[in-house]
Amino acid sequence: MKVEARIFDIVAGFAFVVAAVYGFMTHYMSGYGTEPIGVVALILTGGLALLAGSYLRFVSRRIEARPEDREDAEISDGAGELGFFSPGSYWPVGLAASAALGGLALAFFHVWLLIIAIVALLITIGGLVFEYHTGPSHH
């Protein structure tokens, strides 16, 4: 995860540098002073990237090094099973539809539709999370 943390750190540094350059350029070239919305947006972008990078760096210290994180790793070190991925789940489609319904309810501010969308979101999230849950095994 050190590679991913480094990528987010680079993005954070870039956003902070661009925020400083943007603030300087708008202050001296626009004639109206510094444009605050763009500067704040770029600073918040850098902060969010720094937050994600810090989390990944924190997690990388607690887990064993992956092949991507080691300099001496071979290609064959990354071979094998990566995990279980559902081959044909329809729950993500329902999740996207209920999220779209929630967005539509917020756009038109229909509270009754928002309640329906929240219930649909909870049902589809539960379905996605517990899709392969078989319950406790009885021996």
Protein backbone atom coordinates (compact mmCIF):
# COMPACT_ATOMS: atom_id res chain seq x y z
CA MET A 1 0.00 0.00 0.00
CA LYS A 2 3.03 2.22 0.10
CA VAL A 3 2.79 2.76 -3.65
CA GLU A 4 -0.80 3.96 -3.38
CA ALA A 5 0.08 6.21 -0.42
CA ARG A 6 2.90 7.76 -2.45
CA ILE A 7 0.52 8.44 -5.36
CA PHE A 8 -1.93 10.23 -3.06
CA ASP A 9 0.94 12.22 -1.52
CA ILE A 10 2.03 13.34 -4.98
CA VAL A 11 -1.54 14.39 -5.82
CA ALA A 12 -1.78 16.28 -2.50
CA GLY A 13 1.49 18.10 -3.12
CA PHE A 14 0.42 18.97 -6.65
CA ALA A 15 -2.92 20.34 -5.44
CA PHE A 16 -1.25 22.49 -2.77
CA VAL A 17 1.28 23.88 -5.25
CA VAL A 18 -1.43 24.58 -7.81
CA ALA A 19 -3.54 26.29 -5.10
CA ALA A 20 -0.64 28.62 -4.29
CA VAL A 21 0.06 29.36 -7.96
CA TYR A 22 -3.66 29.84 -8.67
CA GLY A 23 -4.05 32.23 -5.74
CA PHE A 24 -0.98 34.21 -6.80
CA MET A 25 -2.01 34.36 -10.46
CA THR A 26 -5.60 35.41 -9.78
CA HIS A 27 -4.48 38.03 -7.29
CA TYR A 28 -2.03 39.74 -9.62
CA MET A 29 -3.59 39.10 -13.04
CA SER A 30 -7.34 39.45 -12.60
CA GLY A 31 -7.51 42.91 -11.14
CA TYR A 32 -10.20 41.79 -8.68
CA GLY A 33 -8.02 40.13 -6.07
CA THR A 34 -7.62 36.47 -5.25
CA GLU A 35 -10.44 34.24 -6.42
CA PRO A 36 -11.32 32.39 -3.18
CA ILE A 37 -13.48 29.53 -4.44
CA GLY A 38 -10.81 27.95 -6.64
CA VAL A 39 -8.14 28.34 -3.97
CA VAL A 40 -10.33 26.73 -1.31
CA ALA A 41 -11.35 23.93 -3.69
CA LEU A 42 -7.71 23.15 -4.51
CA ILE A 43 -6.69 23.24 -0.84
CA LEU A 44 -9.56 20.89 0.06
CA THR A 45 -8.56 18.60 -2.82
CA GLY A 46 -5.03 18.45 -1.47
CA GLY A 47 -6.34 17.83 2.04
CA LEU A 48 -8.54 14.98 0.89
CA ALA A 49 -5.66 13.38 -1.03
CA LEU A 50 -3.42 13.81 2.02
CA LEU A 51 -6.08 12.18 4.19
CA ALA A 52 -6.37 9.18 1.86
CA GLY A 53 -2.58 8.88 1.58
CA SER A 54 -2.15 9.03 5.35
CA TYR A 55 -4.74 6.28 5.81
CA LEU A 56 -3.03 4.03 3.27
CA ARG A 57 0.36 4.67 4.87
CA PHE A 58 -1.10 3.82 8.30
CA VAL A 59 -2.63 0.58 6.98
CA SER A 60 0.59 -0.39 5.16
CA ARG A 61 2.46 -0.39 8.47
CA ARG A 62 0.01 -2.86 9.99
CA ILE A 63 -0.07 -5.45 7.20
CA GLU A 64 2.70 -7.52 5.74
CA ALA A 65 4.40 -6.11 2.65
CA ARG A 66 2.76 -7.00 -0.64
CA PRO A 67 4.84 -7.81 -3.73
CA GLU A 68 4.10 -4.31 -5.07
CA ASP A 69 5.71 -2.78 -1.99
CA ARG A 70 8.96 -4.76 -2.10
CA GLU A 71 11.92 -3.81 -4.28
CA ASP A 72 13.17 -7.41 -4.50
CA ALA A 73 9.83 -8.94 -5.52
CA GLU A 74 9.50 -11.16 -8.57
CA ILE A 75 6.49 -11.24 -10.89
CA SER A 76 5.68 -14.75 -9.68
CA ASP A 77 5.28 -13.43 -6.11
CA GLY A 78 2.02 -11.80 -7.16
CA ALA A 79 0.61 -14.96 -8.72
CA GLY A 80 -2.28 -16.84 -7.24
CA GLU A 81 -5.78 -16.13 -6.07
CA LEU A 82 -6.53 -12.50 -5.35
CA GLY A 83 -9.84 -12.99 -3.62
CA PHE A 84 -13.44 -13.85 -4.26
CA PHE A 85 -15.37 -11.75 -6.75
CA SER A 86 -19.03 -12.36 -7.41
CA PRO A 87 -19.42 -13.58 -11.00
CA GLY A 88 -22.98 -12.50 -11.60
CA SER A 89 -24.49 -10.34 -8.90
CA TYR A 90 -27.44 -8.10 -9.67
CA TRP A 91 -27.25 -6.22 -6.38
CA PRO A 92 -24.95 -3.48 -7.74
CA VAL A 93 -27.59 -2.68 -10.38
CA GLY A 94 -30.23 -2.28 -7.68
CA LEU A 95 -27.83 -0.26 -5.57
CA ALA A 96 -27.14 2.11 -8.46
CA ALA A 97 -30.85 2.43 -9.22
CA SER A 98 -31.73 3.23 -5.61
CA ALA A 99 -28.87 5.76 -5.39
CA ALA A 100 -30.12 7.37 -8.61
CA LEU A 101 -33.61 7.47 -7.13
CA GLY A 102 -32.17 9.20 -4.06
CA GLY A 103 -30.41 11.74 -6.26
CA LEU A 104 -33.62 12.36 -8.16
CA ALA A 105 -35.52 12.80 -4.89
CA LEU A 106 -32.94 15.33 -3.68
CA ALA A 107 -32.94 17.19 -7.00
CA PHE A 108 -36.71 17.72 -6.89
CA PHE A 109 -36.87 17.71 -3.06
CA HIS A 110 -39.60 15.12 -2.74
CA VAL A 111 -39.31 13.90 0.84
CA TRP A 112 -41.59 10.91 0.28
CA LEU A 113 -39.41 9.76 -2.63
CA LEU A 114 -36.27 10.30 -0.56
CA ILE A 115 -37.67 8.03 2.16
CA ILE A 116 -38.42 5.34 -0.43
CA ALA A 117 -34.90 5.74 -1.85
CA ILE A 118 -33.28 5.42 1.58
CA VAL A 119 -35.26 2.24 2.30
CA ALA A 120 -34.31 0.88 -1.14
CA LEU A 121 -30.66 1.77 -0.47
CA LEU A 122 -30.69 -0.05 2.86
CA ILE A 123 -32.27 -3.12 1.30
CA THR A 124 -29.83 -3.24 -1.63
CA ILE A 125 -26.79 -2.60 0.59
CA GLY A 126 -27.93 -5.42 2.86
CA GLY A 127 -28.46 -7.68 -0.13
CA LEU A 128 -25.00 -6.91 -1.48
CA VAL A 129 -23.26 -7.38 1.86
CA PHE A 130 -25.08 -10.60 2.81
CA GLU A 131 -25.32 -12.12 -0.67
CA TYR A 132 -23.12 -15.09 0.14
CA HIS A 133 -23.81 -15.26 3.89
CA THR A 134 -25.14 -18.70 4.70
CA GLY A 135 -25.62 -18.22 8.42
CA PRO A 136 -23.99 -20.07 11.26
CA SER A 137 -23.10 -23.64 10.48
CA HIS A 138 -24.88 -26.26 12.59
CA HIS A 139 -22.60 -29.21 13.24
